[in-house]
PDB file of all heavy atoms in Angstrom:
ATOM      1  N   THR A   1       0.094  25.084  12.157  1.00  0.00           N
ATOM      2  CA  THR A   1      -0.597  24.647  10.921  1.00  0.00           C
ATOM      3  C   THR A   1       0.301  24.821   9.679  1.00  0.00           C
ATOM      4  O   THR A   1       0.978  25.753   9.596  1.00  0.00           O
ATOM      5  CB  THR A   1      -1.882  25.442  10.783  1.00  0.00           C
ATOM      6  OG1 THR A   1      -2.566  24.900   9.651  1.00  0.00           O
ATOM      7  CG2 THR A   1      -1.643  26.892  10.515  1.00  0.00           C
ATOM      8  N   LEU A   2       0.242  23.811   8.841  1.00  0.00           N
ATOM      9  CA  LEU A   2       0.866  23.864   7.547  1.00  0.00           C
ATOM     10  C   LEU A   2      -0.056  23.192   6.506  1.00  0.00           C
ATOM     11  O   LEU A   2      -0.844  22.299   6.864  1.00  0.00           O
ATOM     12  CB  LEU A   2       2.219  23.295   7.604  1.00  0.00           C
ATOM     13  CG  LEU A   2       2.408  21.785   7.827  1.00  0.00           C
ATOM     14  CD1 LEU A   2       3.744  21.282   7.199  1.00  0.00           C
ATOM     15  CD2 LEU A   2       2.360  21.480   9.299  1.00  0.00           C
ATOM     16  N   THR A   3       0.202  23.514   5.310  1.00  0.00           N
ATOM     17  CA  THR A   3      -0.685  23.006   4.185  1.00  0.00           C
ATOM     18  C   THR A   3      -0.331  21.509   3.964  1.00  0.00           C
ATOM     19  O   THR A   3       0.850  21.112   3.896  1.00  0.00           O
ATOM     20  CB  THR A   3      -0.509  23.770   2.927  1.00  0.00           C
ATOM     21  OG1 THR A   3      -0.805  25.160   3.124  1.00  0.00           O
ATOM     22  CG2 THR A   3      -1.386  23.249   1.790  1.00  0.00           C
ATOM     23  N   PHE A   4      -1.390  20.672   3.881  1.00  0.00           N
ATOM     24  CA  PHE A   4      -1.099  19.264   3.622  1.00  0.00           C
ATOM     25  C   PHE A   4      -1.841  18.746   2.358  1.00  0.00           C
ATOM     26  O   PHE A   4      -1.492  17.650   1.906  1.00  0.00           O
ATOM     27  CB  PHE A   4      -1.474  18.396   4.819  1.00  0.00           C
ATOM     28  CG  PHE A   4      -2.934  18.086   4.966  1.00  0.00           C
ATOM     29  CD1 PHE A   4      -3.488  16.872   4.487  1.00  0.00           C
ATOM     30  CD2 PHE A   4      -3.875  19.038   5.488  1.00  0.00           C
ATOM     31  CE1 PHE A   4      -4.839  16.562   4.620  1.00  0.00           C
ATOM     32  CE2 PHE A   4      -5.199  18.681   5.563  1.00  0.00           C
ATOM     33  CZ  PHE A   4      -5.668  17.465   5.140  1.00  0.00           C
ATOM     34  N   ALA A   5      -2.742  19.503   1.810  1.00  0.00           N
ATOM     35  CA  ALA A   5      -3.503  18.999   0.645  1.00  0.00           C
ATOM     36  C   ALA A   5      -4.250  20.197  -0.001  1.00  0.00           C
ATOM     37  O   ALA A   5      -4.272  21.313   0.560  1.00  0.00           O
ATOM     38  CB  ALA A   5      -4.461  17.910   1.014  1.00  0.00           C
ATOM     39  N   ARG A   6      -4.914  19.919  -1.146  1.00  0.00           N
ATOM     40  CA  ARG A   6      -5.778  20.847  -1.745  1.00  0.00           C
ATOM     41  C   ARG A   6      -7.131  20.217  -1.894  1.00  0.00           C
ATOM     42  O   ARG A   6      -7.242  19.033  -2.317  1.00  0.00           O
ATOM     43  CB  ARG A   6      -5.247  21.361  -3.076  1.00  0.00           C
ATOM     44  CG  ARG A   6      -4.004  22.260  -2.910  1.00  0.00           C
ATOM     45  CD  ARG A   6      -3.742  23.124  -4.099  1.00  0.00           C
ATOM     46  NE  ARG A   6      -2.733  24.112  -3.719  1.00  0.00           N
ATOM     47  CZ  ARG A   6      -2.810  25.374  -4.005  1.00  0.00           C
ATOM     48  NH1 ARG A   6      -3.795  25.865  -4.651  1.00  0.00           N
ATOM     49  NH2 ARG A   6      -1.833  26.227  -3.598  1.00  0.00           N
ATOM     50  N   VAL A   7      -8.175  20.945  -1.642  1.00  0.00           N
ATOM     51  CA  VAL A   7      -9.560  20.509  -1.839  1.00  0.00           C
ATOM     52  C   VAL A   7     -10.261  21.625  -2.605  1.00  0.00           C
ATOM     53  O   VAL A   7     -10.144  22.825  -2.206  1.00  0.00           O
ATOM     54  CB  VAL A   7     -10.202  20.243  -0.417  1.00  0.00           C
ATOM     55  CG1 VAL A   7     -11.691  19.876  -0.615  1.00  0.00           C
ATOM     56  CG2 VAL A   7      -9.487  19.110   0.314  1.00  0.00           C
ATOM     57  N   GLU A   8     -10.962  21.248  -3.623  1.00  0.00           N
ATOM     58  CA  GLU A   8     -11.543  22.261  -4.538  1.00  0.00           C
ATOM     59  C   GLU A   8     -10.547  23.242  -5.088  1.00  0.00           C
ATOM     60  O   GLU A   8     -10.842  24.431  -5.275  1.00  0.00           O
ATOM     61  CB  GLU A   8     -12.731  23.025  -3.825  1.00  0.00           C
ATOM     62  CG  GLU A   8     -13.862  22.206  -3.295  1.00  0.00           C
ATOM     63  CD  GLU A   8     -14.842  22.927  -2.415  1.00  0.00           C
ATOM     64  OE1 GLU A   8     -14.806  24.198  -2.508  1.00  0.00           O
ATOM     65  OE2 GLU A   8     -15.624  22.317  -1.698  1.00  0.00           O
ATOM     66  N   GLY A   9      -9.303  22.763  -5.212  1.00  0.00           N
ATOM     67  CA  GLY A   9      -8.253  23.670  -5.696  1.00  0.00           C
ATOM     68  C   GLY A   9      -7.702  24.642  -4.665  1.00  0.00           C
ATOM     69  O   GLY A   9      -6.802  25.361  -4.969  1.00  0.00           O
ATOM     70  N   MET A  10      -8.160  24.561  -3.388  1.00  0.00           N
ATOM     71  CA  MET A  10      -7.764  25.479  -2.327  1.00  0.00           C
ATOM     72  C   MET A  10      -6.966  24.670  -1.354  1.00  0.00           C
ATOM     73  O   MET A  10      -7.153  23.549  -1.036  1.00  0.00           O
ATOM     74  CB  MET A  10      -8.987  26.099  -1.694  1.00  0.00           C
ATOM     75  CG  MET A  10      -9.838  26.933  -2.631  1.00  0.00           C
ATOM     76  SD  MET A  10      -8.904  28.420  -3.274  1.00  0.00           S
ATOM     77  CE  MET A  10      -8.799  29.411  -1.753  1.00  0.00           C
ATOM     78  N   PRO A  11      -5.968  25.437  -0.679  1.00  0.00           N
ATOM     79  CA  PRO A  11      -5.187  24.735   0.314  1.00  0.00           C
ATOM     80  C   PRO A  11      -5.976  24.380   1.584  1.00  0.00           C
ATOM     81  O   PRO A  11      -6.903  25.158   1.976  1.00  0.00           O
ATOM     82  CB  PRO A  11      -4.090  25.807   0.664  1.00  0.00           C
ATOM     83  CG  PRO A  11      -4.675  27.076   0.308  1.00  0.00           C
ATOM     84  CD  PRO A  11      -5.664  26.816  -0.886  1.00  0.00           C
ATOM     85  N   VAL A  12      -5.674  23.325   2.222  1.00  0.00           N
ATOM     86  CA  VAL A  12      -6.211  22.965   3.546  1.00  0.00           C
ATOM     87  C   VAL A  12      -5.010  22.607   4.504  1.00  0.00           C
ATOM     88  O   VAL A  12      -4.003  22.092   4.026  1.00  0.00           O
ATOM     89  CB  VAL A  12      -7.249  21.843   3.523  1.00  0.00           C
ATOM     90  CG1 VAL A  12      -8.519  22.329   2.846  1.00  0.00           C
ATOM     91  CG2 VAL A  12      -6.705  20.614   2.836  1.00  0.00           C
ATOM     92  N   GLY A  13      -5.187  22.939   5.766  1.00  0.00           N
ATOM     93  CA  GLY A  13      -4.046  22.820   6.673  1.00  0.00           C
ATOM     94  C   GLY A  13      -4.256  21.616   7.703  1.00  0.00           C
ATOM     95  O   GLY A  13      -5.393  21.193   7.904  1.00  0.00           O
ATOM     96  N   VAL A  14      -3.108  21.203   8.203  1.00  0.00           N
ATOM     97  CA  VAL A  14      -3.161  20.209   9.266  1.00  0.00           C
ATOM     98  C   VAL A  14      -2.470  20.806  10.457  1.00  0.00           C
ATOM     99  O   VAL A  14      -1.465  21.555  10.325  1.00  0.00           O
ATOM    100  CB  VAL A  14      -2.420  18.909   8.797  1.00  0.00           C
ATOM    101  CG1 VAL A  14      -0.956  19.072   8.561  1.00  0.00           C
ATOM    102  CG2 VAL A  14      -2.666  17.798   9.762  1.00  0.00           C
ATOM    103  N   GLN A  15      -3.000  20.492  11.658  1.00  0.00           N
ATOM    104  CA  GLN A  15      -2.382  21.018  12.910  1.00  0.00           C
ATOM    105  C   GLN A  15      -1.555  19.960  13.542  1.00  0.00           C
ATOM    106  O   GLN A  15      -1.889  18.782  13.683  1.00  0.00           O
ATOM    107  CB  GLN A  15      -3.495  21.386  13.891  1.00  0.00           C
ATOM    108  CG  GLN A  15      -4.363  22.586  13.465  1.00  0.00           C
ATOM    109  CD  GLN A  15      -5.420  22.875  14.521  1.00  0.00           C
ATOM    110  OE1 GLN A  15      -5.242  23.759  15.358  1.00  0.00           O
ATOM    111  NE2 GLN A  15      -6.528  22.213  14.425  1.00  0.00           N
ATOM    112  N   VAL A  16      -0.429  20.418  14.054  1.00  0.00           N
ATOM    113  CA  VAL A  16       0.500  19.635  14.915  1.00  0.00           C
ATOM    114  C   VAL A  16       0.370  20.200  16.320  1.00  0.00           C
ATOM    115  O   VAL A  16       0.644  21.397  16.483  1.00  0.00           O
ATOM    116  CB  VAL A  16       1.939  19.650  14.455  1.00  0.00           C
ATOM    117  CG1 VAL A  16       2.820  18.811  15.354  1.00  0.00           C
ATOM    118  CG2 VAL A  16       2.029  19.173  12.958  1.00  0.00           C
ATOM    119  N   VAL A  17      -0.034  19.429  17.274  1.00  0.00           N
ATOM    120  CA  VAL A  17      -0.347  19.944  18.651  1.00  0.00           C
ATOM    121  C   VAL A  17       0.561  19.181  19.659  1.00  0.00           C
ATOM    122  O   VAL A  17       0.607  17.946  19.650  1.00  0.00           O
ATOM    123  CB  VAL A  17      -1.774  19.654  19.027  1.00  0.00           C
ATOM    124  CG1 VAL A  17      -2.086  20.258  20.453  1.00  0.00           C
ATOM    125  CG2 VAL A  17      -2.762  20.257  17.955  1.00  0.00           C
ATOM    126  N   GLY A  18       1.291  19.878  20.534  1.00  0.00           N
ATOM    127  CA  GLY A  18       2.128  19.282  21.513  1.00  0.00           C
ATOM    128  C   GLY A  18       1.770  19.756  22.897  1.00  0.00           C
ATOM    129  O   GLY A  18       0.930  20.569  23.128  1.00  0.00           O
ATOM    130  N   PRO A  19       2.423  19.128  23.915  1.00  0.00           N
ATOM    131  CA  PRO A  19       2.195  19.576  25.325  1.00  0.00           C
ATOM    132  C   PRO A  19       2.689  20.980  25.565  1.00  0.00           C
ATOM    133  O   PRO A  19       3.520  21.488  24.863  1.00  0.00           O
ATOM    134  CB  PRO A  19       3.030  18.574  26.093  1.00  0.00           C
ATOM    135  CG  PRO A  19       3.419  17.468  25.160  1.00  0.00           C
ATOM    136  CD  PRO A  19       3.454  18.104  23.832  1.00  0.00           C
ATOM    137  N   TYR A  20       2.119  21.582  26.618  1.00  0.00           N
ATOM    138  CA  TYR A  20       2.513  22.893  26.996  1.00  0.00           C
ATOM    139  C   TYR A  20       4.058  22.997  27.132  1.00  0.00           C
ATOM    140  O   TYR A  20       4.623  22.206  27.756  1.00  0.00           O
ATOM    141  CB  TYR A  20       1.826  23.313  28.309  1.00  0.00           C
ATOM    142  CG  TYR A  20       2.196  24.792  28.705  1.00  0.00           C
ATOM    143  CD1 TYR A  20       1.558  25.839  28.112  1.00  0.00           C
ATOM    144  CD2 TYR A  20       3.251  24.963  29.636  1.00  0.00           C
ATOM    145  CE1 TYR A  20       1.948  27.159  28.433  1.00  0.00           C
ATOM    146  CE2 TYR A  20       3.652  26.219  29.922  1.00  0.00           C
ATOM    147  CZ  TYR A  20       2.963  27.342  29.378  1.00  0.00           C
ATOM    148  OH  TYR A  20       3.408  28.582  29.695  1.00  0.00           O
ATOM    149  N   GLY A  21       4.621  24.026  26.592  1.00  0.00           N
ATOM    150  CA  GLY A  21       6.064  24.299  26.691  1.00  0.00           C
ATOM    151  C   GLY A  21       6.886  23.564  25.681  1.00  0.00           C
ATOM    152  O   GLY A  21       8.107  23.833  25.559  1.00  0.00           O
ATOM    153  N   GLU A  22       6.332  22.656  24.968  1.00  0.00           N
ATOM    154  CA  GLU A  22       7.145  21.863  23.997  1.00  0.00           C
ATOM    155  C   GLU A  22       7.086  22.438  22.591  1.00  0.00           C
ATOM    156  O   GLU A  22       6.843  21.727  21.569  1.00  0.00           O
ATOM    157  CB  GLU A  22       6.613  20.370  23.969  1.00  0.00           C
ATOM    158  CG  GLU A  22       6.876  19.631  25.274  1.00  0.00           C
ATOM    159  CD  GLU A  22       8.289  19.348  25.540  1.00  0.00           C
ATOM    160  OE1 GLU A  22       9.113  19.336  24.609  1.00  0.00           O
ATOM    161  OE2 GLU A  22       8.659  19.026  26.741  1.00  0.00           O
ATOM    162  N   ASP A  23       7.291  23.720  22.527  1.00  0.00           N
ATOM    163  CA  ASP A  23       7.234  24.493  21.241  1.00  0.00           C
ATOM    164  C   ASP A  23       8.273  23.858  20.293  1.00  0.00           C
ATOM    165  O   ASP A  23       8.035  23.725  19.083  1.00  0.00           O
ATOM    166  CB  ASP A  23       7.459  25.943  21.453  1.00  0.00           C
ATOM    167  CG  ASP A  23       6.427  26.567  22.414  1.00  0.00           C
ATOM    168  OD1 ASP A  23       6.191  26.042  23.506  1.00  0.00           O
ATOM    169  OD2 ASP A  23       5.781  27.579  22.032  1.00  0.00           O
ATOM    170  N   GLY A  24       9.483  23.626  20.719  1.00  0.00           N
ATOM    171  CA  GLY A  24      10.528  23.082  19.868  1.00  0.00           C
ATOM    172  C   GLY A  24      10.171  21.722  19.262  1.00  0.00           C
ATOM    173  O   GLY A  24      10.482  21.474  18.095  1.00  0.00           O
ATOM    174  N   ARG A  25       9.547  20.892  20.051  1.00  0.00           N
ATOM    175  CA  ARG A  25       9.050  19.624  19.499  1.00  0.00           C
ATOM    176  C   ARG A  25       8.064  19.802  18.446  1.00  0.00           C
ATOM    177  O   ARG A  25       8.107  19.125  17.339  1.00  0.00           O
ATOM    178  CB  ARG A  25       8.494  18.772  20.669  1.00  0.00           C
ATOM    179  CG  ARG A  25       8.118  17.354  20.169  1.00  0.00           C
ATOM    180  CD  ARG A  25       7.038  16.642  20.984  1.00  0.00           C
ATOM    181  NE  ARG A  25       7.413  16.545  22.448  1.00  0.00           N
ATOM    182  CZ  ARG A  25       6.721  15.900  23.326  1.00  0.00           C
ATOM    183  NH1 ARG A  25       5.528  15.276  22.935  1.00  0.00           N
ATOM    184  NH2 ARG A  25       7.106  15.853  24.565  1.00  0.00           N
ATOM    185  N   VAL A  26       7.082  20.671  18.650  1.00  0.00           N
ATOM    186  CA  VAL A  26       5.951  20.875  17.610  1.00  0.00           C
ATOM    187  C   VAL A  26       6.607  21.433  16.341  1.00  0.00           C
ATOM    188  O   VAL A  26       6.247  20.967  15.185  1.00  0.00           O
ATOM    189  CB  VAL A  26       4.906  21.857  18.193  1.00  0.00           C
ATOM    190  CG1 VAL A  26       4.010  22.372  17.100  1.00  0.00           C
ATOM    191  CG2 VAL A  26       4.098  21.141  19.275  1.00  0.00           C
ATOM    192  N   LEU A  27       7.528  22.395  16.465  1.00  0.00           N
ATOM    193  CA  LEU A  27       8.133  22.942  15.234  1.00  0.00           C
ATOM    194  C   LEU A  27       9.029  21.903  14.556  1.00  0.00           C
ATOM    195  O   LEU A  27       9.073  21.874  13.367  1.00  0.00           O
ATOM    196  CB  LEU A  27       8.965  24.199  15.675  1.00  0.00           C
ATOM    197  CG  LEU A  27       8.137  25.438  16.064  1.00  0.00           C
ATOM    198  CD1 LEU A  27       8.913  26.397  16.854  1.00  0.00           C
ATOM    199  CD2 LEU A  27       7.548  26.078  14.759  1.00  0.00           C
ATOM    200  N   ALA A  28       9.719  21.115  15.354  1.00  0.00           N
ATOM    201  CA  ALA A  28      10.578  20.123  14.764  1.00  0.00           C
ATOM    202  C   ALA A  28       9.752  19.032  13.934  1.00  0.00           C
ATOM    203  O   ALA A  28      10.066  18.662  12.833  1.00  0.00           O
ATOM    204  CB  ALA A  28      11.369  19.362  15.720  1.00  0.00           C
ATOM    205  N   ILE A  29       8.604  18.647  14.548  1.00  0.00           N
ATOM    206  CA  ILE A  29       7.721  17.646  13.808  1.00  0.00           C
ATOM    207  C   ILE A  29       7.096  18.367  12.634  1.00  0.00           C
ATOM    208  O   ILE A  29       6.924  17.741  11.614  1.00  0.00           O
ATOM    209  CB  ILE A  29       6.715  17.117  14.857  1.00  0.00           C
ATOM    210  CG1 ILE A  29       7.389  16.269  15.920  1.00  0.00           C
ATOM    211  CG2 ILE A  29       5.625  16.343  14.078  1.00  0.00           C
ATOM    212  CD1 ILE A  29       6.556  15.787  17.009  1.00  0.00           C
ATOM    213  N   GLY A  30       6.680  19.632  12.820  1.00  0.00           N
ATOM    214  CA  GLY A  30       6.143  20.386  11.711  1.00  0.00           C
ATOM    215  C   GLY A  30       7.127  20.481  10.545  1.00  0.00           C
ATOM    216  O   GLY A  30       6.736  20.354   9.356  1.00  0.00           O
ATOM    217  N   GLY A  31       8.427  20.635  10.820  1.00  0.00           N
ATOM    218  CA  GLY A  31       9.470  20.692   9.782  1.00  0.00           C
ATOM    219  C   GLY A  31       9.611  19.330   9.153  1.00  0.00           C
ATOM    220  O   GLY A  31       9.790  19.212   7.917  1.00  0.00           O
ATOM    221  N   TRP A  32       9.506  18.256   9.976  1.00  0.00           N
ATOM    222  CA  TRP A  32       9.595  16.897   9.429  1.00  0.00           C
ATOM    223  C   TRP A  32       8.422  16.666   8.435  1.00  0.00           C
ATOM    224  O   TRP A  32       8.656  16.123   7.328  1.00  0.00           O
ATOM    225  CB  TRP A  32       9.476  15.892  10.598  1.00  0.00           C
ATOM    226  CG  TRP A  32       9.552  14.471  10.226  1.00  0.00           C
ATOM    227  CD1 TRP A  32      10.652  13.679  10.259  1.00  0.00           C
ATOM    228  CD2 TRP A  32       8.443  13.609   9.829  1.00  0.00           C
ATOM    229  NE1 TRP A  32      10.350  12.378   9.851  1.00  0.00           N
ATOM    230  CE2 TRP A  32       9.015  12.342   9.576  1.00  0.00           C
ATOM    231  CE3 TRP A  32       7.090  13.814   9.612  1.00  0.00           C
ATOM    232  CZ2 TRP A  32       8.208  11.201   9.176  1.00  0.00           C
ATOM    233  CZ3 TRP A  32       6.284  12.709   9.163  1.00  0.00           C
ATOM    234  CH2 TRP A  32       6.864  11.445   8.998  1.00  0.00           C
ATOM    235  N   LEU A  33       7.212  17.074   8.803  1.00  0.00           N
ATOM    236  CA  LEU A  33       6.047  16.887   7.950  1.00  0.00           C
ATOM    237  C   LEU A  33       6.202  17.730   6.658  1.00  0.00           C
ATOM    238  O   LEU A  33       5.938  17.264   5.557  1.00  0.00           O
ATOM    239  CB  LEU A  33       4.803  17.391   8.675  1.00  0.00           C
ATOM    240  CG  LEU A  33       3.882  16.353   9.227  1.00  0.00           C
ATOM    241  CD1 LEU A  33       2.703  17.061   9.922  1.00  0.00           C
ATOM    242  CD2 LEU A  33       3.323  15.340   8.233  1.00  0.00           C
ATOM    243  N   GLU A  34       6.617  18.992   6.849  1.00  0.00           N
ATOM    244  CA  GLU A  34       6.694  19.918   5.735  1.00  0.00           C
ATOM    245  C   GLU A  34       7.674  19.371   4.659  1.00  0.00           C
ATOM    246  O   GLU A  34       7.368  19.399   3.417  1.00  0.00           O
ATOM    247  CB  GLU A  34       7.217  21.231   6.189  1.00  0.00           C
ATOM    248  CG  GLU A  34       7.339  22.350   5.112  1.00  0.00           C
ATOM    249  CD  GLU A  34       7.862  23.649   5.745  1.00  0.00           C
ATOM    250  OE1 GLU A  34       8.972  23.680   6.308  1.00  0.00           O
ATOM    251  OE2 GLU A  34       7.196  24.647   5.615  1.00  0.00           O
ATOM    252  N   ALA A  35       8.806  18.763   5.097  1.00  0.00           N
ATOM    253  CA  ALA A  35       9.768  18.215   4.149  1.00  0.00           C
ATOM    254  C   ALA A  35       9.180  17.070   3.385  1.00  0.00           C
ATOM    255  O   ALA A  35       9.596  16.849   2.182  1.00  0.00           O
ATOM    256  CB  ALA A  35      11.048  17.792   4.897  1.00  0.00           C
ATOM    257  N   ARG A  36       8.207  16.326   3.943  1.00  0.00           N
ATOM    258  CA  ARG A  36       7.662  15.172   3.277  1.00  0.00           C
ATOM    259  C   ARG A  36       6.412  15.467   2.511  1.00  0.00           C
ATOM    260  O   ARG A  36       5.953  14.613   1.692  1.00  0.00           O
ATOM    261  CB  ARG A  36       7.454  14.044   4.337  1.00  0.00           C
ATOM    262  CG  ARG A  36       8.791  13.498   4.743  1.00  0.00           C
ATOM    263  CD  ARG A  36       8.742  12.913   6.154  1.00  0.00           C
ATOM    264  NE  ARG A  36      10.092  12.354   6.499  1.00  0.00           N
ATOM    265  CZ  ARG A  36      11.108  13.120   6.946  1.00  0.00           C
ATOM    266  NH1 ARG A  36      10.984  14.441   7.060  1.00  0.00           N
ATOM    267  NH2 ARG A  36      12.247  12.580   7.202  1.00  0.00           N
ATOM    268  N   LEU A  37       5.788  16.599   2.768  1.00  0.00           N
ATOM    269  CA  LEU A  37       4.538  16.939   2.081  1.00  0.00           C
ATOM    270  C   LEU A  37       4.775  17.828   0.858  1.00  0.00           C
ATOM    271  O   LEU A  37       3.851  18.183   0.102  1.00  0.00           O
ATOM    272  CB  LEU A  37       3.604  17.696   3.046  1.00  0.00           C
ATOM    273  CG  LEU A  37       3.078  16.854   4.178  1.00  0.00           C
ATOM    274  CD1 LEU A  37       2.265  17.756   5.139  1.00  0.00           C
ATOM    275  CD2 LEU A  37       2.225  15.739   3.677  1.00  0.00           C
ATOM    276  N   ARG A  38       6.024  18.227   0.620  1.00  0.00           N
ATOM    277  CA  ARG A  38       6.265  19.139  -0.577  1.00  0.00           C
ATOM    278  C   ARG A  38       6.035  18.367  -1.801  1.00  0.00           C
ATOM    279  O   ARG A  38       6.362  17.263  -1.951  1.00  0.00           O
ATOM    280  CB  ARG A  38       7.755  19.634  -0.459  1.00  0.00           C
ATOM    281  CG  ARG A  38       7.923  20.770   0.564  1.00  0.00           C
ATOM    282  CD  ARG A  38       9.279  21.336   0.495  1.00  0.00           C
ATOM    283  NE  ARG A  38       9.375  22.396   1.479  1.00  0.00           N
ATOM    284  CZ  ARG A  38      10.436  22.551   2.310  1.00  0.00           C
ATOM    285  NH1 ARG A  38      11.394  21.662   2.328  1.00  0.00           N
ATOM    286  NH2 ARG A  38      10.429  23.551   3.175  1.00  0.00           N
TER     287      ARG A  38
END
């Protein structure tokens, strides 16, 4: 989960979900999103 927006002035998160064992893929995609949501 990482923050993607604010609602009522508070952070809200978005989940990136991958297949079992694909932790590196989920983290890589999360990093991709994080860089573009800043």
